[in-house]
Amino acid sequence: MSEAKAVLRFVRMAPRKVRMVVDLIRGRDVPDALSILKYLPRSAAKVVDQLLRSSVANAGQKELGGPESLRIVRAYVDGGPTLKRFRARSMGKANSIKKRTSHITIVVAPSETPS
């Protein structure tokens, strides 16, 4: 089965927050997913929207069809490297801050709707 994918790595968002957005669009048709992402009030929605459009463009290059004939078959978020920072606290102490990153992957393929 032919499919097209797009990967965005080292996104400066926590994987846990991006997964909440990706879980909403997994398994949906591309037009439905784009409309969900357009009105979703989360900062990760904009990044996932751009990545989905990139995946659709890759499918166009492979001549798999237009966006209305595609479905998201796989979408997942993996954790990337964590940037470790420190914040000064009282009495000469320090607290660690972990700035997490994400690797996002979206795979689209033509829908198997019988016509």
PDB file of N, CA and C in Angstrom:
ATOM      1  N   MET A   1       0.840  -1.178   0.000  1.00  0.00           N
ATOM      2  CA  MET A   1       0.000   0.000   0.000  1.00  0.00           C
ATOM      3  C   MET A   1       0.886   1.242   0.000  1.00  0.00           C
ATOM      4  N   SER A   2       0.557   2.177  -0.848  1.00  0.00           N
ATOM      5  CA  SER A   2       1.378   3.382  -0.928  1.00  0.00           C
ATOM      6  C   SER A   2       0.862   4.416   0.064  1.00  0.00           C
ATOM      7  N   GLU A   3       1.798   5.105   0.665  1.00  0.00           N
ATOM      8  CA  GLU A   3       1.462   6.123   1.652  1.00  0.00           C
ATOM      9  C   GLU A   3       2.531   7.202   1.637  1.00  0.00           C
ATOM     10  N   ALA A   4       2.179   8.342   2.190  1.00  0.00           N
ATOM     11  CA  ALA A   4       3.118   9.465   2.275  1.00  0.00           C
ATOM     12  C   ALA A   4       3.205   9.898   3.730  1.00  0.00           C
ATOM     13  N   LYS A   5       4.407  10.309   4.137  1.00  0.00           N
ATOM     14  CA  LYS A   5       4.556  10.724   5.525  1.00  0.00           C
ATOM     15  C   LYS A   5       5.366  11.996   5.624  1.00  0.00           C
ATOM     16  N   ALA A   6       5.196  12.654   6.753  1.00  0.00           N
ATOM     17  CA  ALA A   6       5.972  13.847   7.068  1.00  0.00           C
ATOM     18  C   ALA A   6       6.396  13.738   8.528  1.00  0.00           C
ATOM     19  N   VAL A   7       7.633  14.128   8.798  1.00  0.00           N
ATOM     20  CA  VAL A   7       8.192  14.040  10.146  1.00  0.00           C
ATOM     21  C   VAL A   7       8.725  15.413  10.537  1.00  0.00           C
ATOM     22  N   LEU A   8       8.388  15.853  11.719  1.00  0.00           N
ATOM     23  CA  LEU A   8       8.924  17.099  12.264  1.00  0.00           C
ATOM     24  C   LEU A   8       9.630  16.754  13.563  1.00  0.00           C
ATOM     25  N   ARG A   9      10.912  17.056  13.621  1.00  0.00           N
ATOM     26  CA  ARG A   9      11.704  16.655  14.780  1.00  0.00           C
ATOM     27  C   ARG A   9      12.152  17.876  15.570  1.00  0.00           C
ATOM     28  N   PHE A  10      12.436  17.647  16.831  1.00  0.00           N
ATOM     29  CA  PHE A  10      12.963  18.656  17.758  1.00  0.00           C
ATOM     30  C   PHE A  10      12.020  19.851  17.924  1.00  0.00           C
ATOM     31  N   VAL A  11      10.719  19.586  18.012  1.00  0.00           N
ATOM     32  CA  VAL A  11       9.738  20.645  18.257  1.00  0.00           C
ATOM     33  C   VAL A  11       9.795  21.000  19.733  1.00  0.00           C
ATOM     34  N   ARG A  12       9.860  22.286  20.058  1.00  0.00           N
ATOM     35  CA  ARG A  12      10.006  22.710  21.448  1.00  0.00           C
ATOM     36  C   ARG A  12       8.659  22.736  22.166  1.00  0.00           C
ATOM     37  N   MET A  13       7.999  21.584  22.178  1.00  0.00           N
ATOM     38  CA  MET A  13       6.762  21.400  22.922  1.00  0.00           C
ATOM     39  C   MET A  13       6.835  20.051  23.608  1.00  0.00           C
ATOM     40  N   ALA A  14       6.235  19.955  24.763  1.00  0.00           N
ATOM     41  CA  ALA A  14       6.258  18.694  25.491  1.00  0.00           C
ATOM     42  C   ALA A  14       5.437  17.642  24.732  1.00  0.00           C
ATOM     43  N   PRO A  15       5.951  16.413  24.624  1.00  0.00           N
ATOM     44  CA  PRO A  15       5.231  15.371  23.888  1.00  0.00           C
ATOM     45  C   PRO A  15       3.839  15.110  24.449  1.00  0.00           C
ATOM     46  N   ARG A  16       3.702  15.242  25.735  1.00  0.00           N
ATOM     47  CA  ARG A  16       2.423  15.002  26.378  1.00  0.00           C
ATOM     48  C   ARG A  16       1.338  15.961  25.877  1.00  0.00           C
ATOM     49  N   LYS A  17       1.727  17.211  25.632  1.00  0.00           N
ATOM     50  CA  LYS A  17       0.775  18.214  25.155  1.00  0.00           C
ATOM     51  C   LYS A  17       0.470  18.029  23.673  1.00  0.00           C
ATOM     52  N   VAL A  18       1.472  17.630  22.895  1.00  0.00           N
ATOM     53  CA  VAL A  18       1.258  17.427  21.460  1.00  0.00           C
ATOM     54  C   VAL A  18       0.405  16.179  21.231  1.00  0.00           C
ATOM     55  N   ARG A  19       0.581  15.151  22.067  1.00  0.00           N
ATOM     56  CA  ARG A  19      -0.206  13.916  21.919  1.00  0.00           C
ATOM     57  C   ARG A  19      -1.694  14.172  22.079  1.00  0.00           C
ATOM     58  N   MET A  20      -2.071  15.127  22.915  1.00  0.00           N
ATOM     59  CA  MET A  20      -3.485  15.440  23.091  1.00  0.00           C
ATOM     60  C   MET A  20      -4.106  15.912  21.783  1.00  0.00           C
ATOM     61  N   VAL A  21      -3.356  16.640  20.971  1.00  0.00           N
ATOM     62  CA  VAL A  21      -3.837  17.128  19.683  1.00  0.00           C
ATOM     63  C   VAL A  21      -3.820  15.999  18.651  1.00  0.00           C
ATOM     64  N   VAL A  22      -2.736  15.242  18.609  1.00  0.00           N
ATOM     65  CA  VAL A  22      -2.592  14.179  17.609  1.00  0.00           C
ATOM     66  C   VAL A  22      -3.644  13.084  17.819  1.00  0.00           C
ATOM     67  N   ASP A  23      -3.998  12.815  19.074  1.00  0.00           N
ATOM     68  CA  ASP A  23      -5.015  11.793  19.358  1.00  0.00           C
ATOM     69  C   ASP A  23      -6.377  12.169  18.777  1.00  0.00           C
ATOM     70  N   LEU A  24      -6.651  13.468  18.636  1.00  0.00           N
ATOM     71  CA  LEU A  24      -7.933  13.905  18.089  1.00  0.00           C
ATOM     72  C   LEU A  24      -8.063  13.643  16.592  1.00  0.00           C
ATOM     73  N   ILE A  25      -6.948  13.627  15.863  1.00  0.00           N
ATOM     74  CA  ILE A  25      -7.034  13.518  14.404  1.00  0.00           C
ATOM     75  C   ILE A  25      -6.648  12.138  13.879  1.00  0.00           C
ATOM     76  N   ARG A  26      -6.116  11.274  14.712  1.00  0.00           N
ATOM     77  CA  ARG A  26      -5.673   9.956  14.250  1.00  0.00           C
ATOM     78  C   ARG A  26      -6.854   9.159  13.688  1.00  0.00           C
ATOM     79  N   GLY A  27      -6.674   8.602  12.473  1.00  0.00           N
ATOM     80  CA  GLY A  27      -7.697   7.769  11.849  1.00  0.00           C
ATOM     81  C   GLY A  27      -8.768   8.536  11.098  1.00  0.00           C
ATOM     82  N   ARG A  28      -8.718   9.854  11.067  1.00  0.00           N
ATOM     83  CA  ARG A  28      -9.752  10.656  10.399  1.00  0.00           C
ATOM     84  C   ARG A  28      -9.367  10.970   8.952  1.00  0.00           C
ATOM     85  N   ASP A  29     -10.366  11.382   8.178  1.00  0.00           N
ATOM     86  CA  ASP A  29     -10.103  11.890   6.836  1.00  0.00           C
ATOM     87  C   ASP A  29      -9.404  13.240   6.959  1.00  0.00           C
ATOM     88  N   VAL A  30      -8.602  13.576   5.959  1.00  0.00           N
ATOM     89  CA  VAL A  30      -7.793  14.799   6.025  1.00  0.00           C
ATOM     90  C   VAL A  30      -8.649  16.066   6.136  1.00  0.00           C
ATOM     91  N   PRO A  31      -9.736  16.236   5.351  1.00  0.00           N
ATOM     92  CA  PRO A  31     -10.525  17.470   5.516  1.00  0.00           C
ATOM     93  C   PRO A  31     -11.119  17.621   6.926  1.00  0.00           C
ATOM     94  N   ASP A  32     -11.561  16.506   7.520  1.00  0.00           N
ATOM     95  CA  ASP A  32     -12.089  16.561   8.881  1.00  0.00           C
ATOM     96  C   ASP A  32     -10.998  16.974   9.865  1.00  0.00           C
ATOM     97  N   ALA A  33      -9.823  16.390   9.710  1.00  0.00           N
ATOM     98  CA  ALA A  33      -8.708  16.695  10.617  1.00  0.00           C
ATOM     99  C   ALA A  33      -8.296  18.160  10.499  1.00  0.00           C
ATOM    100  N   LEU A  34      -8.258  18.686   9.278  1.00  0.00           N
ATOM    101  CA  LEU A  34      -7.875  20.088   9.089  1.00  0.00           C
ATOM    102  C   LEU A  34      -8.884  21.033   9.737  1.00  0.00           C
ATOM    103  N   SER A  35     -10.179  20.697   9.643  1.00  0.00           N
ATOM    104  CA  SER A  35     -11.179  21.563  10.265  1.00  0.00           C
ATOM    105  C   SER A  35     -11.099  21.491  11.794  1.00  0.00           C
ATOM    106  N   ILE A  36     -10.779  20.321  12.342  1.00  0.00           N
ATOM    107  CA  ILE A  36     -10.608  20.198  13.795  1.00  0.00           C
ATOM    108  C   ILE A  36      -9.424  21.039  14.253  1.00  0.00           C
ATOM    109  N   LEU A  37      -8.310  20.937  13.536  1.00  0.00           N
ATOM    110  CA  LEU A  37      -7.100  21.661  13.935  1.00  0.00           C
ATOM    111  C   LEU A  37      -7.262  23.169  13.793  1.00  0.00           C
ATOM    112  N   LYS A  38      -8.075  23.589  12.841  1.00  0.00           N
ATOM    113  CA  LYS A  38      -8.248  25.024  12.602  1.00  0.00           C
ATOM    114  C   LYS A  38      -8.858  25.731  13.808  1.00  0.00           C
ATOM    115  N   TYR A  39      -9.787  25.064  14.491  1.00  0.00           N
ATOM    116  CA  TYR A  39     -10.499  25.702  15.588  1.00  0.00           C
ATOM    117  C   TYR A  39     -10.083  25.205  16.966  1.00  0.00           C
ATOM    118  N   LEU A  40      -9.027  24.417  17.043  1.00  0.00           N
ATOM    119  CA  LEU A  40      -8.578  23.885  18.322  1.00  0.00           C
ATOM    120  C   LEU A  40      -7.722  24.933  19.051  1.00  0.00           C
ATOM    121  N   PRO A  41      -8.074  25.296  20.288  1.00  0.00           N
ATOM    122  CA  PRO A  41      -7.349  26.375  20.977  1.00  0.00           C
ATOM    123  C   PRO A  41      -6.087  25.887  21.691  1.00  0.00           C
ATOM    124  N   ARG A  42      -5.212  25.231  20.990  1.00  0.00           N
ATOM    125  CA  ARG A  42      -3.945  24.763  21.578  1.00  0.00           C
ATOM    126  C   ARG A  42      -2.810  25.175  20.653  1.00  0.00           C
ATOM    127  N   SER A  43      -1.664  25.505  21.233  1.00  0.00           N
ATOM    128  CA  SER A  43      -0.541  25.949  20.409  1.00  0.00           C
ATOM    129  C   SER A  43       0.007  24.814  19.555  1.00  0.00           C
ATOM    130  N   ALA A  44      -0.133  23.576  20.016  1.00  0.00           N
ATOM    131  CA  ALA A  44       0.357  22.438  19.237  1.00  0.00           C
ATOM    132  C   ALA A  44      -0.481  22.219  17.988  1.00  0.00           C
ATOM    133  N   ALA A  45      -1.718  22.712  17.965  1.00  0.00           N
ATOM    134  CA  ALA A  45      -2.596  22.503  16.816  1.00  0.00           C
ATOM    135  C   ALA A  45      -2.030  23.159  15.562  1.00  0.00           C
ATOM    136  N   LYS A  46      -1.395  24.307  15.703  1.00  0.00           N
ATOM    137  CA  LYS A  46      -0.827  25.001  14.547  1.00  0.00           C
ATOM    138  C   LYS A  46       0.339  24.197  13.954  1.00  0.00           C
ATOM    139  N   VAL A  47       1.178  23.645  14.814  1.00  0.00           N
ATOM    140  CA  VAL A  47       2.321  22.851  14.357  1.00  0.00           C
ATOM    141  C   VAL A  47       1.847  21.570  13.674  1.00  0.00           C
ATOM    142  N   VAL A  48       0.865  20.898  14.273  1.00  0.00           N
ATOM    143  CA  VAL A  48       0.347  19.651  13.705  1.00  0.00           C
ATOM    144  C   VAL A  48      -0.366  19.934  12.380  1.00  0.00           C
ATOM    145  N   ASP A  49      -1.058  21.084  12.285  1.00  0.00           N
ATOM    146  CA  ASP A  49      -1.733  21.473  11.050  1.00  0.00           C
ATOM    147  C   ASP A  49      -0.721  21.636   9.914  1.00  0.00           C
ATOM    148  N   GLN A  50       0.377  22.321  10.180  1.00  0.00           N
ATOM    149  CA  GLN A  50       1.412  22.510   9.165  1.00  0.00           C
ATOM    150  C   GLN A  50       2.018  21.179   8.747  1.00  0.00           C
ATOM    151  N   LEU A  51       2.211  20.290   9.705  1.00  0.00           N
ATOM    152  CA  LEU A  51       2.794  18.986   9.401  1.00  0.00           C
ATOM    153  C   LEU A  51       1.824  18.141   8.577  1.00  0.00           C
ATOM    154  N   LEU A  52       0.534  18.212   8.882  1.00  0.00           N
ATOM    155  CA  LEU A  52      -0.467  17.475   8.106  1.00  0.00           C
ATOM    156  C   LEU A  52      -0.525  17.990   6.675  1.00  0.00           C
ATOM    157  N   ARG A  53      -0.452  19.301   6.507  1.00  0.00           N
ATOM    158  CA  ARG A  53      -0.435  19.868   5.154  1.00  0.00           C
ATOM    159  C   ARG A  53       0.816  19.430   4.389  1.00  0.00           C
ATOM    160  N   SER A  54       1.927  19.308   5.071  1.00  0.00           N
ATOM    161  CA  SER A  54       3.152  18.827   4.446  1.00  0.00           C
ATOM    162  C   SER A  54       2.997  17.376   4.014  1.00  0.00           C
ATOM    163  N   SER A  55       2.365  16.571   4.837  1.00  0.00           N
ATOM    164  CA  SER A  55       2.134  15.172   4.509  1.00  0.00           C
ATOM    165  C   SER A  55       1.216  15.037   3.291  1.00  0.00           C
ATOM    166  N   VAL A  56       0.202  15.904   3.212  1.00  0.00           N
ATOM    167  CA  VAL A  56      -0.707  15.906   2.055  1.00  0.00           C
ATOM    168  C   VAL A  56       0.047  16.334   0.797  1.00  0.00           C
ATOM    169  N   ALA A  57       0.936  17.311   0.928  1.00  0.00           N
ATOM    170  CA  ALA A  57       1.742  17.751  -0.215  1.00  0.00           C
ATOM    171  C   ALA A  57       2.667  16.632  -0.692  1.00  0.00           C
ATOM    172  N   ASN A  58       3.225  15.871   0.259  1.00  0.00           N
ATOM    173  CA  ASN A  58       4.066  14.730  -0.110  1.00  0.00           C
ATOM    174  C   ASN A  58       3.245  13.675  -0.855  1.00  0.00           C
ATOM    175  N   ALA A  59       1.995  13.495  -0.443  1.00  0.00           N
ATOM    176  CA  ALA A  59       1.106  12.551  -1.130  1.00  0.00           C
ATOM    177  C   ALA A  59       0.806  13.038  -2.550  1.00  0.00           C
ATOM    178  N   GLY A  60       0.686  14.350  -2.710  1.00  0.00           N
ATOM    179  CA  GLY A  60       0.478  14.918  -4.047  1.00  0.00           C
ATOM    180  C   GLY A  60       1.677  14.673  -4.950  1.00  0.00           C
ATOM    181  N   GLN A  61       2.873  14.745  -4.392  1.00  0.00           N
ATOM    182  CA  GLN A  61       4.084  14.466  -5.165  1.00  0.00           C
ATOM    183  C   GLN A  61       4.145  13.007  -5.605  1.00  0.00           C
ATOM    184  N   LYS A  62       3.622  12.123  -4.756  1.00  0.00           N
ATOM    185  CA  LYS A  62       3.602  10.693  -5.088  1.00  0.00           C
ATOM    186  C   LYS A  62       2.379  10.312  -5.912  1.00  0.00           C
ATOM    187  N   GLU A  63       1.529  11.322  -6.232  1.00  0.00           N
ATOM    188  CA  GLU A  63       0.308  11.126  -7.015  1.00  0.00           C
ATOM    189  C   GLU A  63      -0.630  10.122  -6.363  1.00  0.00           C
ATOM    190  N   LEU A  64      -0.871  10.307  -5.075  1.00  0.00           N
ATOM    191  CA  LEU A  64      -1.804   9.449  -4.340  1.00  0.00           C
ATOM    192  C   LEU A  64      -3.211  10.024  -4.313  1.00  0.00           C
ATOM    193  N   GLY A  65      -3.396  11.233  -4.808  1.00  0.00           N
ATOM    194  CA  GLY A  65      -4.709  11.857  -4.834  1.00  0.00           C
ATOM    195  C   GLY A  65      -4.715  13.162  -4.054  1.00  0.00           C
ATOM    196  N   GLY A  66      -5.863  13.845  -4.134  1.00  0.00           N
ATOM    197  CA  GLY A  66      -6.018  15.116  -3.434  1.00  0.00           C
ATOM    198  C   GLY A  66      -6.305  14.915  -1.966  1.00  0.00           C
ATOM    199  N   PRO A  67      -6.369  16.018  -1.215  1.00  0.00           N
ATOM    200  CA  PRO A  67      -6.595  15.917   0.233  1.00  0.00           C
ATOM    201  C   PRO A  67      -7.937  15.273   0.593  1.00  0.00           C
ATOM    202  N   GLU A  68      -8.956  15.450  -0.263  1.00  0.00           N
ATOM    203  CA  GLU A  68     -10.275  14.901   0.068  1.00  0.00           C
ATOM    204  C   GLU A  68     -10.327  13.381  -0.035  1.00  0.00           C
ATOM    205  N   SER A  69      -9.327  12.769  -0.695  1.00  0.00           N
ATOM    206  CA  SER A  69      -9.319  11.306  -0.845  1.00  0.00           C
ATOM    207  C   SER A  69      -8.319  10.636   0.095  1.00  0.00           C
ATOM    208  N   LEU A  70      -7.735  11.401   1.017  1.00  0.00           N
ATOM    209  CA  LEU A  70      -6.708  10.849   1.906  1.00  0.00           C
ATOM    210  C   LEU A  70      -7.230  10.688   3.327  1.00  0.00           C
ATOM    211  N   ARG A  71      -6.618   9.754   4.037  1.00  0.00           N
ATOM    212  CA  ARG A  71      -6.964   9.467   5.428  1.00  0.00           C
ATOM    213  C   ARG A  71      -5.663   9.362   6.229  1.00  0.00           C
ATOM    214  N   ILE A  72      -5.705   9.799   7.478  1.00  0.00           N
ATOM    215  CA  ILE A  72      -4.539   9.688   8.357  1.00  0.00           C
ATOM    216  C   ILE A  72      -4.503   8.255   8.895  1.00  0.00           C
ATOM    217  N   VAL A  73      -3.509   7.489   8.466  1.00  0.00           N
ATOM    218  CA  VAL A  73      -3.437   6.088   8.892  1.00  0.00           C
ATOM    219  C   VAL A  73      -2.601   5.923  10.152  1.00  0.00           C
ATOM    220  N   ARG A  74      -1.560   6.751  10.301  1.00  0.00           N
ATOM    221  CA  ARG A  74      -0.745   6.700  11.515  1.00  0.00           C
ATOM    222  C   ARG A  74      -0.353   8.125  11.891  1.00  0.00           C
ATOM    223  N   ALA A  75      -0.403   8.411  13.171  1.00  0.00           N
ATOM    224  CA  ALA A  75       0.063   9.695  13.685  1.00  0.00           C
ATOM    225  C   ALA A  75       0.536   9.445  15.115  1.00  0.00           C
ATOM    226  N   TYR A  76       1.783   9.787  15.368  1.00  0.00           N
ATOM    227  CA  TYR A  76       2.315   9.544  16.707  1.00  0.00           C
ATOM    228  C   TYR A  76       3.360  10.584  17.073  1.00  0.00           C
ATOM    229  N   VAL A  77       3.596  10.688  18.379  1.00  0.00           N
ATOM    230  CA  VAL A  77       4.542  11.663  18.919  1.00  0.00           C
ATOM    231  C   VAL A  77       5.536  10.924  19.790  1.00  0.00           C
ATOM    232  N   ASP A  78       6.804  11.099  19.511  1.00  0.00           N
ATOM    233  CA  ASP A  78       7.867  10.537  20.328  1.00  0.00           C
ATOM    234  C   ASP A  78       8.588  11.669  21.054  1.00  0.00           C
ATOM    235  N   GLY A  79       9.160  11.360  22.168  1.00  0.00           N
ATOM    236  CA  GLY A  79       9.920  12.354  22.913  1.00  0.00           C
ATOM    237  C   GLY A  79      11.298  12.566  22.305  1.00  0.00           C
ATOM    238  N   GLY A  80      11.725  13.808  22.268  1.00  0.00           N
ATOM    239  CA  GLY A  80      13.059  14.135  21.791  1.00  0.00           C
ATOM    240  C   GLY A  80      13.973  14.402  22.967  1.00  0.00           C
ATOM    241  N   PRO A  81      15.125  14.982  22.717  1.00  0.00           N
ATOM    242  CA  PRO A  81      16.034  15.292  23.822  1.00  0.00           C
ATOM    243  C   PRO A  81      15.463  16.387  24.725  1.00  0.00           C
ATOM    244  N   THR A  82      15.818  16.325  25.990  1.00  0.00           N
ATOM    245  CA  THR A  82      15.343  17.303  26.964  1.00  0.00           C
ATOM    246  C   THR A  82      16.443  18.314  27.248  1.00  0.00           C
ATOM    247  N   LEU A  83      16.078  19.593  27.160  1.00  0.00           N
ATOM    248  CA  LEU A  83      17.026  20.653  27.498  1.00  0.00           C
ATOM    249  C   LEU A  83      16.938  20.886  29.001  1.00  0.00           C
ATOM    250  N   LYS A  84      18.053  20.793  29.678  1.00  0.00           N
ATOM    251  CA  LYS A  84      18.048  20.933  31.128  1.00  0.00           C
ATOM    252  C   LYS A  84      18.540  22.323  31.518  1.00  0.00           C
ATOM    253  N   ARG A  85      17.720  23.032  32.265  1.00  0.00           N
ATOM    254  CA  ARG A  85      18.040  24.384  32.715  1.00  0.00           C
ATOM    255  C   ARG A  85      17.870  24.455  34.226  1.00  0.00           C
ATOM    256  N   PHE A  86      18.427  25.493  34.838  1.00  0.00           N
ATOM    257  CA  PHE A  86      18.309  25.661  36.282  1.00  0.00           C
ATOM    258  C   PHE A  86      17.795  27.051  36.604  1.00  0.00           C
ATOM    259  N   ARG A  87      16.969  27.136  37.647  1.00  0.00           N
ATOM    260  CA  ARG A  87      16.448  28.412  38.111  1.00  0.00           C
ATOM    261  C   ARG A  87      16.934  28.620  39.543  1.00  0.00           C
ATOM    262  N   ALA A  88      17.446  29.792  39.817  1.00  0.00           N
ATOM    263  CA  ALA A  88      17.945  30.110  41.153  1.00  0.00           C
ATOM    264  C   ALA A  88      16.794  30.185  42.146  1.00  0.00           C
ATOM    265  N   ARG A  89      17.017  29.634  43.337  1.00  0.00           N
ATOM    266  CA  ARG A  89      16.027  29.669  44.407  1.00  0.00           C
ATOM    267  C   ARG A  89      16.662  30.334  45.626  1.00  0.00           C
ATOM    268  N   SER A  90      15.907  30.445  46.649  1.00  0.00           N
ATOM    269  CA  SER A  90      16.407  31.136  47.833  1.00  0.00           C
ATOM    270  C   SER A  90      17.486  30.322  48.550  1.00  0.00           C
ATOM    271  N   MET A  91      18.281  31.000  49.337  1.00  0.00           N
ATOM    272  CA  MET A  91      19.326  30.400  50.157  1.00  0.00           C
ATOM    273  C   MET A  91      20.355  29.629  49.337  1.00  0.00           C
ATOM    274  N   GLY A  92      20.659  30.125  48.138  1.00  0.00           N
ATOM    275  CA  GLY A  92      21.717  29.536  47.320  1.00  0.00           C
ATOM    276  C   GLY A  92      21.375  28.215  46.672  1.00  0.00           C
ATOM    277  N   LYS A  93      20.118  27.862  46.633  1.00  0.00           N
ATOM    278  CA  LYS A  93      19.719  26.585  46.023  1.00  0.00           C
ATOM    279  C   LYS A  93      19.295  26.804  44.578  1.00  0.00           C
ATOM    280  N   ALA A  94      19.043  25.690  43.890  1.00  0.00           N
ATOM    281  CA  ALA A  94      18.599  25.772  42.494  1.00  0.00           C
ATOM    282  C   ALA A  94      17.590  24.662  42.221  1.00  0.00           C
ATOM    283  N   ASN A  95      16.597  24.962  41.391  1.00  0.00           N
ATOM    284  CA  ASN A  95      15.641  23.963  40.926  1.00  0.00           C
ATOM    285  C   ASN A  95      15.908  23.686  39.450  1.00  0.00           C
ATOM    286  N   SER A  96      15.750  22.439  39.052  1.00  0.00           N
ATOM    287  CA  SER A  96      15.969  22.115  37.641  1.00  0.00           C
ATOM    288  C   SER A  96      14.684  22.312  36.855  1.00  0.00           C
ATOM    289  N   ILE A  97      14.820  22.757  35.611  1.00  0.00           N
ATOM    290  CA  ILE A  97      13.707  22.922  34.682  1.00  0.00           C
ATOM    291  C   ILE A  97      14.017  22.053  33.479  1.00  0.00           C
ATOM    292  N   LYS A  98      13.084  21.200  33.098  1.00  0.00           N
ATOM    293  CA  LYS A  98      13.267  20.322  31.939  1.00  0.00           C
ATOM    294  C   LYS A  98      12.409  20.844  30.796  1.00  0.00           C
ATOM    295  N   LYS A  99      13.068  21.312  29.733  1.00  0.00           N
ATOM    296  CA  LYS A  99      12.361  21.799  28.557  1.00  0.00           C
ATOM    297  C   LYS A  99      12.334  20.664  27.550  1.00  0.00           C
ATOM    298  N   ARG A 100      11.187  20.041  27.415  1.00  0.00           N
ATOM    299  CA  ARG A 100      11.073  18.831  26.607  1.00  0.00           C
ATOM    300  C   ARG A 100      10.837  19.156  25.131  1.00  0.00           C
ATOM    301  N   THR A 101      11.291  18.236  24.260  1.00  0.00           N
ATOM    302  CA  THR A 101      11.075  18.380  22.822  1.00  0.00           C
ATOM    303  C   THR A 101      10.356  17.144  22.299  1.00  0.00           C
ATOM    304  N   SER A 102       9.802  17.267  21.093  1.00  0.00           N
ATOM    305  CA  SER A 102       8.991  16.203  20.509  1.00  0.00           C
ATOM    306  C   SER A 102       9.423  15.913  19.081  1.00  0.00           C
ATOM    307  N   HIS A 103       9.195  14.670  18.659  1.00  0.00           N
ATOM    308  CA  HIS A 103       9.310  14.269  17.262  1.00  0.00           C
ATOM    309  C   HIS A 103       7.906  13.832  16.840  1.00  0.00           C
ATOM    310  N   ILE A 104       7.327  14.516  15.837  1.00  0.00           N
ATOM    311  CA  ILE A 104       5.957  14.244  15.409  1.00  0.00           C
ATOM    312  C   ILE A 104       5.995  13.599  14.024  1.00  0.00           C
ATOM    313  N   THR A 105       5.210  12.528  13.829  1.00  0.00           N
ATOM    314  CA  THR A 105       5.130  11.832  12.546  1.00  0.00           C
ATOM    315  C   THR A 105       3.664  11.676  12.161  1.00  0.00           C
ATOM    316  N   ILE A 106       3.339  12.028  10.904  1.00  0.00           N
ATOM    317  CA  ILE A 106       1.986  11.841  10.375  1.00  0.00           C
ATOM    318  C   ILE A 106       2.093  11.116   9.043  1.00  0.00           C
ATOM    319  N   VAL A 107       1.328  10.016   8.891  1.00  0.00           N
ATOM    320  CA  VAL A 107       1.328   9.208   7.670  1.00  0.00           C
ATOM    321  C   VAL A 107      -0.076   9.221   7.096  1.00  0.00           C
ATOM    322  N   VAL A 108      -0.197   9.575   5.813  1.00  0.00           N
ATOM    323  CA  VAL A 108      -1.493   9.574   5.131  1.00  0.00           C
ATOM    324  C   VAL A 108      -1.466   8.571   3.985  1.00  0.00           C
ATOM    325  N   ALA A 109      -2.645   8.029   3.680  1.00  0.00           N
ATOM    326  CA  ALA A 109      -2.796   7.075   2.579  1.00  0.00           C
ATOM    327  C   ALA A 109      -4.180   7.266   1.979  1.00  0.00           C
ATOM    328  N   PRO A 110      -4.385   6.817   0.740  1.00  0.00           N
ATOM    329  CA  PRO A 110      -5.725   6.944   0.137  1.00  0.00           C
ATOM    330  C   PRO A 110      -6.753   6.139   0.936  1.00  0.00           C
ATOM    331  N   SER A 111      -7.971   6.690   1.007  1.00  0.00           N
ATOM    332  CA  SER A 111      -9.061   6.004   1.720  1.00  0.00           C
ATOM    333  C   SER A 111      -9.508   4.781   0.927  1.00  0.00           C
ATOM    334  N   GLU A 112      -9.883   3.736   1.644  1.00  0.00           N
ATOM    335  CA  GLU A 112     -10.391   2.530   0.986  1.00  0.00           C
ATOM    336  C   GLU A 112     -11.913   2.525   1.023  1.00  0.00           C
ATOM    337  N   THR A 113     -12.531   3.552   0.465  1.00  0.00           N
ATOM    338  CA  THR A 113     -13.989   3.596   0.406  1.00  0.00           C
ATOM    339  C   THR A 113     -14.439   2.982  -0.915  1.00  0.00           C
ATOM    340  N   PRO A 114     -15.268   1.925  -0.884  1.00  0.00           N
ATOM    341  CA  PRO A 114     -15.724   1.318  -2.126  1.00  0.00           C
ATOM    342  C   PRO A 114     -16.663   2.243  -2.874  1.00  0.00           C
ATOM    343  N   SER A 115     -16.455   2.352  -4.198  1.00  0.00           N
ATOM    344  CA  SER A 115     -17.310   3.230  -4.987  1.00  0.00           C
ATOM    345  C   SER A 115     -18.126   2.502  -6.016  1.00  0.00           C
TER     346      SER A 115
END
